[in-house]
Amino acid sequence: MAEYLIYFNQQWVGDHPEEWFQERGPLARAVVDEMIAAGVYVFAGGLEEDLDLAFSADATSGEVLITDGPFAETKEWLGGFCVVDVPDVETAKVWAGKVAVACGWPQEVRPFGQWDPPRT
């Protein structure tokens, strides 16, 4: 099995009335429930849109510097994501399609690197 990140940038969501978003919630929850039932669910969540709640940690100078806001000024930022543990990329694509249909906006898929951290 391999873990894949399925995610979207907040700017991909588009402008919709509140009622539209309320209709999407149960659809998205149903996909998460389906992931859980299929045994592929690792984690899912949406991020706060308010960038005033974000902060950055940078240790490249040799000391940790914590600053308010995102690390880089950018026009796009992560809006939400889920992690699935599936047998192959084709299965990850299927789940990304289900998430895209439920949410109503595009999703991007990327595999996690093949790093096996030591377990305690």
C-alpha atoms as a PDB file:
ATOM      1  CA  MET A   1       0.000   0.000   0.000  1.00  0.00           C
ATOM      2  CA  ALA A   2       1.099   3.576  -0.615  1.00  0.00           C
ATOM      3  CA  GLU A   3      -0.099   6.859   0.817  1.00  0.00           C
ATOM      4  CA  TYR A   4      -1.317   9.619  -1.473  1.00  0.00           C
ATOM      5  CA  LEU A   5      -2.167  13.221  -0.698  1.00  0.00           C
ATOM      6  CA  ILE A   6      -5.371  14.471  -2.340  1.00  0.00           C
ATOM      7  CA  TYR A   7      -5.607  18.235  -1.935  1.00  0.00           C
ATOM      8  CA  PHE A   8      -6.909  21.519  -3.271  1.00  0.00           C
ATOM      9  CA  ASN A   9      -5.878  25.146  -3.167  1.00  0.00           C
ATOM     10  CA  GLN A  10      -8.447  27.479  -1.661  1.00  0.00           C
ATOM     11  CA  GLN A  11      -8.575  29.523  -4.852  1.00  0.00           C
ATOM     12  CA  TRP A  12      -9.873  26.497  -6.811  1.00  0.00           C
ATOM     13  CA  VAL A  13     -13.098  26.501  -4.817  1.00  0.00           C
ATOM     14  CA  GLY A  14     -14.679  29.436  -6.623  1.00  0.00           C
ATOM     15  CA  ASP A  15     -17.461  31.744  -5.557  1.00  0.00           C
ATOM     16  CA  HIS A  16     -20.668  30.020  -4.535  1.00  0.00           C
ATOM     17  CA  PRO A  17     -23.628  30.914  -2.322  1.00  0.00           C
ATOM     18  CA  GLU A  18     -23.717  29.517   1.217  1.00  0.00           C
ATOM     19  CA  GLU A  19     -26.513  27.118   0.253  1.00  0.00           C
ATOM     20  CA  TRP A  20     -24.226  25.507  -2.344  1.00  0.00           C
ATOM     21  CA  PHE A  21     -21.567  24.833   0.303  1.00  0.00           C
ATOM     22  CA  GLN A  22     -24.186  23.421   2.690  1.00  0.00           C
ATOM     23  CA  GLU A  23     -25.215  20.948  -0.015  1.00  0.00           C
ATOM     24  CA  ARG A  24     -21.592  19.830  -0.524  1.00  0.00           C
ATOM     25  CA  GLY A  25     -20.950  19.005   3.147  1.00  0.00           C
ATOM     26  CA  PRO A  26     -22.986  15.789   3.257  1.00  0.00           C
ATOM     27  CA  LEU A  27     -21.509  14.694  -0.085  1.00  0.00           C
ATOM     28  CA  ALA A  28     -17.967  15.172   1.188  1.00  0.00           C
ATOM     29  CA  ARG A  29     -18.816  13.400   4.459  1.00  0.00           C
ATOM     30  CA  ALA A  30     -20.192  10.467   2.466  1.00  0.00           C
ATOM     31  CA  VAL A  31     -16.893  10.103   0.578  1.00  0.00           C
ATOM     32  CA  VAL A  32     -14.944  10.169   3.844  1.00  0.00           C
ATOM     33  CA  ASP A  33     -17.286   7.543   5.285  1.00  0.00           C
ATOM     34  CA  GLU A  34     -16.740   5.455   2.135  1.00  0.00           C
ATOM     35  CA  MET A  35     -12.950   5.791   2.566  1.00  0.00           C
ATOM     36  CA  ILE A  36     -13.237   4.651   6.178  1.00  0.00           C
ATOM     37  CA  ALA A  37     -15.407   1.678   5.202  1.00  0.00           C
ATOM     38  CA  ALA A  38     -12.936   0.724   2.446  1.00  0.00           C
ATOM     39  CA  GLY A  39     -10.030   0.895   4.904  1.00  0.00           C
ATOM     40  CA  VAL A  40      -8.087   3.525   2.904  1.00  0.00           C
ATOM     41  CA  TYR A  41      -8.725   6.582   5.090  1.00  0.00           C
ATOM     42  CA  VAL A  42      -5.714   8.017   6.923  1.00  0.00           C
ATOM     43  CA  PHE A  43      -6.734  11.641   7.559  1.00  0.00           C
ATOM     44  CA  ALA A  44      -8.775  14.465   6.043  1.00  0.00           C
ATOM     45  CA  GLY A  45      -9.448  18.075   6.903  1.00  0.00           C
ATOM     46  CA  GLY A  46     -10.075  21.564   5.650  1.00  0.00           C
ATOM     47  CA  LEU A  47      -7.841  24.425   6.703  1.00  0.00           C
ATOM     48  CA  GLU A  48      -8.929  27.765   8.110  1.00  0.00           C
ATOM     49  CA  GLU A  49      -9.193  30.346   5.341  1.00  0.00           C
ATOM     50  CA  ASP A  50      -8.107  33.240   7.566  1.00  0.00           C
ATOM     51  CA  LEU A  51      -4.370  33.650   6.897  1.00  0.00           C
ATOM     52  CA  ASP A  52      -4.138  35.804  10.038  1.00  0.00           C
ATOM     53  CA  LEU A  53      -4.337  32.487  11.923  1.00  0.00           C
ATOM     54  CA  ALA A  54      -1.286  31.096  10.077  1.00  0.00           C
ATOM     55  CA  PHE A  55       2.305  31.342  11.228  1.00  0.00           C
ATOM     56  CA  SER A  56       5.653  30.153   9.924  1.00  0.00           C
ATOM     57  CA  ALA A  57       8.688  28.559  11.541  1.00  0.00           C
ATOM     58  CA  ASP A  58      12.052  29.068   9.800  1.00  0.00           C
ATOM     59  CA  ALA A  59      15.336  27.629  11.088  1.00  0.00           C
ATOM     60  CA  THR A  60      17.495  28.277   8.018  1.00  0.00           C
ATOM     61  CA  SER A  61      19.497  30.972   9.857  1.00  0.00           C
ATOM     62  CA  GLY A  62      20.500  28.521  12.588  1.00  0.00           C
ATOM     63  CA  GLU A  63      17.896  29.891  14.985  1.00  0.00           C
ATOM     64  CA  VAL A  64      14.172  29.279  14.905  1.00  0.00           C
ATOM     65  CA  LEU A  65      12.247  32.348  13.797  1.00  0.00           C
ATOM     66  CA  ILE A  66       8.467  32.270  14.250  1.00  0.00           C
ATOM     67  CA  THR A  67       6.533  34.836  12.224  1.00  0.00           C
ATOM     68  CA  ASP A  68       2.862  35.580  11.727  1.00  0.00           C
ATOM     69  CA  GLY A  69       1.277  34.614   8.441  1.00  0.00           C
ATOM     70  CA  PRO A  70       2.327  32.326   5.630  1.00  0.00           C
ATOM     71  CA  PHE A  71       6.040  31.851   4.894  1.00  0.00           C
ATOM     72  CA  ALA A  72       5.827  33.252   1.381  1.00  0.00           C
ATOM     73  CA  GLU A  73       3.525  35.810  -0.188  1.00  0.00           C
ATOM     74  CA  THR A  74       1.494  33.847  -2.697  1.00  0.00           C
ATOM     75  CA  LYS A  75      -1.738  34.038  -4.640  1.00  0.00           C
ATOM     76  CA  GLU A  76      -2.716  30.458  -3.783  1.00  0.00           C
ATOM     77  CA  TRP A  77      -2.679  28.487  -0.556  1.00  0.00           C
ATOM     78  CA  LEU A  78      -3.730  25.073   0.614  1.00  0.00           C
ATOM     79  CA  GLY A  79      -7.428  24.809   1.398  1.00  0.00           C
ATOM     80  CA  GLY A  80      -7.826  21.200   2.483  1.00  0.00           C
ATOM     81  CA  PHE A  81      -6.593  17.702   1.986  1.00  0.00           C
ATOM     82  CA  CYS A  82      -6.986  14.030   2.703  1.00  0.00           C
ATOM     83  CA  VAL A  83      -4.495  11.194   2.876  1.00  0.00           C
ATOM     84  CA  VAL A  84      -5.412   7.759   1.562  1.00  0.00           C
ATOM     85  CA  ASP A  85      -3.492   4.512   1.849  1.00  0.00           C
ATOM     86  CA  VAL A  86      -4.197   2.574  -1.351  1.00  0.00           C
ATOM     87  CA  PRO A  87      -2.557  -0.180  -3.407  1.00  0.00           C
ATOM     88  CA  ASP A  88      -1.692   1.921  -6.468  1.00  0.00           C
ATOM     89  CA  VAL A  89      -1.936   5.238  -8.273  1.00  0.00           C
ATOM     90  CA  GLU A  90      -5.022   4.153 -10.206  1.00  0.00           C
ATOM     91  CA  THR A  91      -6.908   3.647  -6.946  1.00  0.00           C
ATOM     92  CA  ALA A  92      -5.701   7.054  -5.715  1.00  0.00           C
ATOM     93  CA  LYS A  93      -7.118   8.592  -8.897  1.00  0.00           C
ATOM     94  CA  VAL A  94     -10.493   6.963  -8.237  1.00  0.00           C
ATOM     95  CA  TRP A  95     -10.628   8.454  -4.739  1.00  0.00           C
ATOM     96  CA  ALA A  96      -9.500  11.875  -6.021  1.00  0.00           C
ATOM     97  CA  GLY A  97     -12.345  11.769  -8.528  1.00  0.00           C
ATOM     98  CA  LYS A  98     -14.848  10.971  -5.798  1.00  0.00           C
ATOM     99  CA  VAL A  99     -13.542  13.837  -3.669  1.00  0.00           C
ATOM    100  CA  ALA A 100     -13.669  16.228  -6.648  1.00  0.00           C
ATOM    101  CA  VAL A 101     -17.293  15.296  -7.392  1.00  0.00           C
ATOM    102  CA  ALA A 102     -18.333  15.639  -3.748  1.00  0.00           C
ATOM    103  CA  CYS A 103     -16.560  18.954  -3.180  1.00  0.00           C
ATOM    104  CA  GLY A 104     -17.343  20.469  -6.558  1.00  0.00           C
ATOM    105  CA  TRP A 105     -13.822  21.691  -7.305  1.00  0.00           C
ATOM    106  CA  PRO A 106     -10.568  20.200  -8.654  1.00  0.00           C
ATOM    107  CA  GLN A 107      -8.250  18.033  -6.592  1.00  0.00           C
ATOM    108  CA  GLU A 108      -4.558  17.331  -7.087  1.00  0.00           C
ATOM    109  CA  VAL A 109      -2.926  14.015  -6.176  1.00  0.00           C
ATOM    110  CA  ARG A 110       0.669  13.397  -5.137  1.00  0.00           C
ATOM    111  CA  PRO A 111       2.309  10.310  -3.676  1.00  0.00           C
ATOM    112  CA  PHE A 112       4.295  10.533  -0.490  1.00  0.00           C
ATOM    113  CA  GLY A 113       7.995   9.749  -0.870  1.00  0.00           C
ATOM    114  CA  GLN A 114       9.237   6.292  -0.071  1.00  0.00           C
ATOM    115  CA  TRP A 115      10.817   7.098   3.285  1.00  0.00           C
ATOM    116  CA  ASP A 116      10.478   4.559   6.058  1.00  0.00           C
ATOM    117  CA  PRO A 117      11.021   6.389   9.357  1.00  0.00           C
ATOM    118  CA  PRO A 118      12.187   4.417  12.366  1.00  0.00           C
ATOM    119  CA  ARG A 119       9.319   3.280  14.566  1.00  0.00           C
ATOM    120  CA  THR A 120       9.476   3.568  18.323  1.00  0.00           C
END
